[in-house]
PDB file of N, CA and C in Angstrom:
ATOM      1  N   MET A   1      56.660-118.053  29.448  1.00  0.00           N
ATOM      2  CA  MET A   1      56.955-118.964  28.674  1.00  0.00           C
ATOM      3  C   MET A   1      58.061-118.731  28.275  1.00  0.00           C
ATOM      4  N   LEU A   2      59.655-119.445  27.640  1.00  0.00           N
ATOM      5  CA  LEU A   2      60.343-118.695  26.732  1.00  0.00           C
ATOM      6  C   LEU A   2      60.557-119.652  25.664  1.00  0.00           C
ATOM      7  N   GLY A   3      60.442-119.282  24.750  1.00  0.00           N
ATOM      8  CA  GLY A   3      60.684-120.315  23.538  1.00  0.00           C
ATOM      9  C   GLY A   3      62.058-119.703  23.065  1.00  0.00           C
ATOM     10  N   GLU A   4      62.909-120.129  21.978  1.00  0.00           N
ATOM     11  CA  GLU A   4      63.439-120.649  20.990  1.00  0.00           C
ATOM     12  C   GLU A   4      63.971-119.558  20.860  1.00  0.00           C
ATOM     13  N   GLU A   5      63.442-117.629  20.502  1.00  0.00           N
ATOM     14  CA  GLU A   5      64.273-116.891  20.091  1.00  0.00           C
ATOM     15  C   GLU A   5      64.495-115.716  22.153  1.00  0.00           C
ATOM     16  N   ALA A   6      64.214-117.074  22.942  1.00  0.00           N
ATOM     17  CA  ALA A   6      64.793-116.107  24.196  1.00  0.00           C
ATOM     18  C   ALA A   6      66.478-116.690  24.159  1.00  0.00           C
ATOM     19  N   LEU A   7      66.438-117.486  23.730  1.00  0.00           N
ATOM     20  CA  LEU A   7      67.812-118.129  23.610  1.00  0.00           C
ATOM     21  C   LEU A   7      68.903-117.511  23.095  1.00  0.00           C
ATOM     22  N   ALA A   8      68.835-116.585  22.201  1.00  0.00           N
ATOM     23  CA  ALA A   8      69.785-115.553  21.872  1.00  0.00           C
ATOM     24  C   ALA A   8      69.775-114.691  22.487  1.00  0.00           C
ATOM     25  N   LEU A   9      68.527-113.865  22.764  1.00  0.00           N
ATOM     26  CA  LEU A   9      69.136-113.296  24.049  1.00  0.00           C
ATOM     27  C   LEU A   9      70.133-113.443  25.034  1.00  0.00           C
ATOM     28  N   PHE A  10      70.295-114.760  25.514  1.00  0.00           N
ATOM     29  CA  PHE A  10      70.874-115.312  26.890  1.00  0.00           C
ATOM     30  C   PHE A  10      72.564-114.203  27.032  1.00  0.00           C
ATOM     31  N   PRO A  11      73.496-114.428  25.790  1.00  0.00           N
ATOM     32  CA  PRO A  11      74.529-113.947  26.273  1.00  0.00           C
ATOM     33  C   PRO A  11      74.872-112.862  26.296  1.00  0.00           C
ATOM     34  N   ARG A  12      73.822-111.795  26.447  1.00  0.00           N
ATOM     35  CA  ARG A  12      73.657-110.843  27.214  1.00  0.00           C
ATOM     36  C   ARG A  12      73.625-110.222  28.331  1.00  0.00           C
ATOM     37  N   TYR A  13      72.807-111.437  28.656  1.00  0.00           N
ATOM     38  CA  TYR A  13      72.925-111.885  30.384  1.00  0.00           C
ATOM     39  C   TYR A  13      73.933-112.152  30.665  1.00  0.00           C
ATOM     40  N   PHE A  14      74.967-113.013  30.031  1.00  0.00           N
ATOM     41  CA  PHE A  14      75.282-114.378  30.785  1.00  0.00           C
ATOM     42  C   PHE A  14      76.517-113.381  31.364  1.00  0.00           C
ATOM     43  N   PHE A  15      76.912-111.956  31.185  1.00  0.00           N
ATOM     44  CA  PHE A  15      78.588-111.766  31.890  1.00  0.00           C
ATOM     45  C   PHE A  15      77.640-110.584  32.782  1.00  0.00           C
ATOM     46  N   GLY A  16      76.676-110.421  33.331  1.00  0.00           N
ATOM     47  CA  GLY A  16      76.009-109.632  34.444  1.00  0.00           C
ATOM     48  C   GLY A  16      76.189-108.513  34.435  1.00  0.00           C
ATOM     49  N   THR A  17      75.985-107.789  32.812  1.00  0.00           N
ATOM     50  CA  THR A  17      75.664-106.191  32.891  1.00  0.00           C
ATOM     51  C   THR A  17      74.409-105.787  32.256  1.00  0.00           C
ATOM     52  N   GLU A  18      73.622-106.807  31.922  1.00  0.00           N
ATOM     53  CA  GLU A  18      72.106-106.357  31.786  1.00  0.00           C
ATOM     54  C   GLU A  18      70.856-106.625  33.416  1.00  0.00           C
ATOM     55  N   LEU A  19      71.217-107.156  33.971  1.00  0.00           N
ATOM     56  CA  LEU A  19      70.223-107.885  34.727  1.00  0.00           C
ATOM     57  C   LEU A  19      70.959-106.735  36.701  1.00  0.00           C
ATOM     58  N   GLN A  20      69.311-106.714  37.289  1.00  0.00           N
ATOM     59  CA  GLN A  20      70.354-105.864  38.057  1.00  0.00           C
ATOM     60  C   GLN A  20      69.265-106.395  38.953  1.00  0.00           C
ATOM     61  N   LYS A  21      70.114-106.706  40.464  1.00  0.00           N
ATOM     62  CA  LYS A  21      69.149-107.679  41.421  1.00  0.00           C
ATOM     63  C   LYS A  21      68.525-107.352  41.773  1.00  0.00           C
ATOM     64  N   PRO A  22      67.301-107.728  41.941  1.00  0.00           N
ATOM     65  CA  PRO A  22      65.616-107.223  42.422  1.00  0.00           C
ATOM     66  C   PRO A  22      65.896-107.012  43.971  1.00  0.00           C
ATOM     67  N   GLU A  23      64.920-105.596  44.351  1.00  0.00           N
ATOM     68  CA  GLU A  23      65.571-105.559  45.912  1.00  0.00           C
ATOM     69  C   GLU A  23      65.109-106.331  46.450  1.00  0.00           C
ATOM     70  N   SER A  24      64.299-107.720  46.559  1.00  0.00           N
ATOM     71  CA  SER A  24      63.807-108.609  46.976  1.00  0.00           C
ATOM     72  C   SER A  24      65.310-109.594  48.385  1.00  0.00           C
ATOM     73  N   LEU A  25      66.265-109.362  46.931  1.00  0.00           N
ATOM     74  CA  LEU A  25      67.444-109.869  47.082  1.00  0.00           C
ATOM     75  C   LEU A  25      68.782-109.048  48.118  1.00  0.00           C
ATOM     76  N   ALA A  26      68.345-107.583  48.318  1.00  0.00           N
ATOM     77  CA  ALA A  26      69.108-107.532  49.366  1.00  0.00           C
ATOM     78  C   ALA A  26      69.696-107.501  50.191  1.00  0.00           C
ATOM     79  N   GLY A  27      70.831-107.336  50.303  1.00  0.00           N
ATOM     80  CA  GLY A  27      72.027-108.607  51.620  1.00  0.00           C
ATOM     81  C   GLY A  27      72.300-109.728  51.508  1.00  0.00           C
ATOM     82  N   LYS A  28      71.838-110.303  50.012  1.00  0.00           N
ATOM     83  CA  LYS A  28      71.829-111.866  49.810  1.00  0.00           C
ATOM     84  C   LYS A  28      72.500-111.410  48.568  1.00  0.00           C
ATOM     85  N   TYR A  29      74.230-112.810  48.206  1.00  0.00           N
ATOM     86  CA  TYR A  29      75.181-112.592  47.052  1.00  0.00           C
ATOM     87  C   TYR A  29      75.213-111.606  46.748  1.00  0.00           C
ATOM     88  N   GLU A  30      76.294-110.368  47.864  1.00  0.00           N
ATOM     89  CA  GLU A  30      76.979-109.707  47.714  1.00  0.00           C
ATOM     90  C   GLU A  30      78.448-110.338  47.654  1.00  0.00           C
ATOM     91  N   GLY A  31      79.329-111.393  47.374  1.00  0.00           N
ATOM     92  CA  GLY A  31      80.394-111.543  47.291  1.00  0.00           C
ATOM     93  C   GLY A  31      80.666-111.400  46.002  1.00  0.00           C
ATOM     94  N   LEU A  32      82.218-111.433  45.905  1.00  0.00           N
ATOM     95  CA  LEU A  32      82.374-111.096  44.373  1.00  0.00           C
ATOM     96  C   LEU A  32      81.861-111.720  43.976  1.00  0.00           C
ATOM     97  N   GLY A  33      81.746-111.710  42.098  1.00  0.00           N
ATOM     98  CA  GLY A  33      81.125-112.805  41.105  1.00  0.00           C
ATOM     99  C   GLY A  33      79.715-113.699  41.654  1.00  0.00           C
ATOM    100  N   ASP A  34      79.695-113.231  42.817  1.00  0.00           N
ATOM    101  CA  ASP A  34      77.935-114.268  43.345  1.00  0.00           C
ATOM    102  C   ASP A  34      76.750-114.150  42.460  1.00  0.00           C
ATOM    103  N   TRP A  35      76.390-112.411  42.643  1.00  0.00           N
ATOM    104  CA  TRP A  35      75.477-111.890  41.284  1.00  0.00           C
ATOM    105  C   TRP A  35      75.751-112.873  40.085  1.00  0.00           C
ATOM    106  N   LEU A  36      77.123-112.460  39.738  1.00  0.00           N
ATOM    107  CA  LEU A  36      76.854-113.347  38.248  1.00  0.00           C
ATOM    108  C   LEU A  36      76.989-114.536  37.515  1.00  0.00           C
ATOM    109  N   HIS A  37      76.923-115.489  39.291  1.00  0.00           N
ATOM    110  CA  HIS A  37      77.103-116.893  39.643  1.00  0.00           C
ATOM    111  C   HIS A  37      75.517-117.172  39.286  1.00  0.00           C
ATOM    112  N   ILE A  38      74.793-116.299  40.240  1.00  0.00           N
ATOM    113  CA  ILE A  38      73.432-116.899  39.934  1.00  0.00           C
ATOM    114  C   ILE A  38      72.426-116.825  38.994  1.00  0.00           C
ATOM    115  N   GLN A  39      73.124-115.939  38.204  1.00  0.00           N
ATOM    116  CA  GLN A  39      72.351-115.690  36.568  1.00  0.00           C
ATOM    117  C   GLN A  39      72.663-116.580  35.638  1.00  0.00           C
ATOM    118  N   GLN A  40      74.439-116.668  35.501  1.00  0.00           N
ATOM    119  CA  GLN A  40      74.248-118.028  34.663  1.00  0.00           C
ATOM    120  C   GLN A  40      74.031-119.048  35.553  1.00  0.00           C
ATOM    121  N   ASP A  41      73.640-119.188  36.001  1.00  0.00           N
ATOM    122  CA  ASP A  41      73.306-121.065  37.020  1.00  0.00           C
ATOM    123  C   ASP A  41      71.879-120.765  36.249  1.00  0.00           C
ATOM    124  N   ALA A  42      71.197-119.677  36.183  1.00  0.00           N
ATOM    125  CA  ALA A  42      70.011-119.806  36.313  1.00  0.00           C
ATOM    126  C   ALA A  42      69.412-120.190  34.258  1.00  0.00           C
ATOM    127  N   ILE A  43      70.614-119.351  33.127  1.00  0.00           N
ATOM    128  CA  ILE A  43      70.873-119.595  32.114  1.00  0.00           C
ATOM    129  C   ILE A  43      71.036-120.847  31.916  1.00  0.00           C
ATOM    130  N   PHE A  44      71.833-121.226  31.984  1.00  0.00           N
ATOM    131  CA  PHE A  44      71.969-122.632  32.441  1.00  0.00           C
ATOM    132  C   PHE A  44      71.022-123.657  32.582  1.00  0.00           C
ATOM    133  N   GLU A  45      70.305-123.370  33.244  1.00  0.00           N
ATOM    134  CA  GLU A  45      69.222-124.141  34.455  1.00  0.00           C
ATOM    135  C   GLU A  45      67.918-124.287  32.782  1.00  0.00           C
ATOM    136  N   ILE A  46      68.112-123.054  32.056  1.00  0.00           N
ATOM    137  CA  ILE A  46      66.892-122.604  31.066  1.00  0.00           C
ATOM    138  C   ILE A  46      67.620-124.021  29.811  1.00  0.00           C
ATOM    139  N   ILE A  47      68.138-123.581  29.655  1.00  0.00           N
ATOM    140  CA  ILE A  47      69.274-124.448  28.434  1.00  0.00           C
ATOM    141  C   ILE A  47      69.090-125.385  28.431  1.00  0.00           C
ATOM    142  N   TYR A  48      69.278-126.021  29.984  1.00  0.00           N
ATOM    143  CA  TYR A  48      69.079-127.790  29.623  1.00  0.00           C
ATOM    144  C   TYR A  48      67.413-128.042  30.304  1.00  0.00           C
ATOM    145  N   LEU A  49      66.879-127.656  30.762  1.00  0.00           N
ATOM    146  CA  LEU A  49      65.319-127.947  30.673  1.00  0.00           C
ATOM    147  C   LEU A  49      64.658-127.605  29.345  1.00  0.00           C
ATOM    148  N   SER A  50      64.955-126.518  28.568  1.00  0.00           N
ATOM    149  CA  SER A  50      64.498-126.414  26.816  1.00  0.00           C
ATOM    150  C   SER A  50      64.753-127.451  26.457  1.00  0.00           C
ATOM    151  N   GLU A  51      66.487-127.638  26.484  1.00  0.00           N
ATOM    152  CA  GLU A  51      67.021-129.400  25.758  1.00  0.00           C
ATOM    153  C   GLU A  51      66.254-130.734  25.708  1.00  0.00           C
ATOM    154  N   GLU A  52      65.617-130.964  27.231  1.00  0.00           N
ATOM    155  CA  GLU A  52      65.526-132.089  28.155  1.00  0.00           C
ATOM    156  C   GLU A  52      63.988-132.135  27.169  1.00  0.00           C
ATOM    157  N   ASN A  53      63.365-130.465  27.630  1.00  0.00           N
ATOM    158  CA  ASN A  53      62.038-130.969  26.644  1.00  0.00           C
ATOM    159  C   ASN A  53      62.007-131.315  25.150  1.00  0.00           C
ATOM    160  N   LYS A  54      63.068-130.840  24.017  1.00  0.00           N
ATOM    161  CA  LYS A  54      63.379-131.339  22.900  1.00  0.00           C
ATOM    162  C   LYS A  54      62.768-132.510  22.710  1.00  0.00           C
ATOM    163  N   VAL A  55      63.343-133.295  23.335  1.00  0.00           N
ATOM    164  CA  VAL A  55      63.736-134.838  23.706  1.00  0.00           C
ATOM    165  C   VAL A  55      62.735-135.694  23.700  1.00  0.00           C
ATOM    166  N   VAL A  56      62.139-134.798  24.426  1.00  0.00           N
ATOM    167  CA  VAL A  56      60.517-135.668  24.844  1.00  0.00           C
ATOM    168  C   VAL A  56      59.345-135.407  24.069  1.00  0.00           C
ATOM    169  N   ASP A  57      59.792-134.264  23.119  1.00  0.00           N
ATOM    170  CA  ASP A  57      58.465-133.853  22.892  1.00  0.00           C
ATOM    171  C   ASP A  57      58.447-135.230  21.461  1.00  0.00           C
TER     172      ASP A  57
END
């Protein structure tokens, strides 16, 4: 579970310098910017879902 404090960490990960691709994804997302794109999509999805949950609560 991610809380509000996790949102402040996202800028560290947004430009792809903090997270290494796991071994289980070896051979995938090898194109220029592919892994960065995956990371950014995940961040946007988390933010979107966290905002959606605030409206429902």
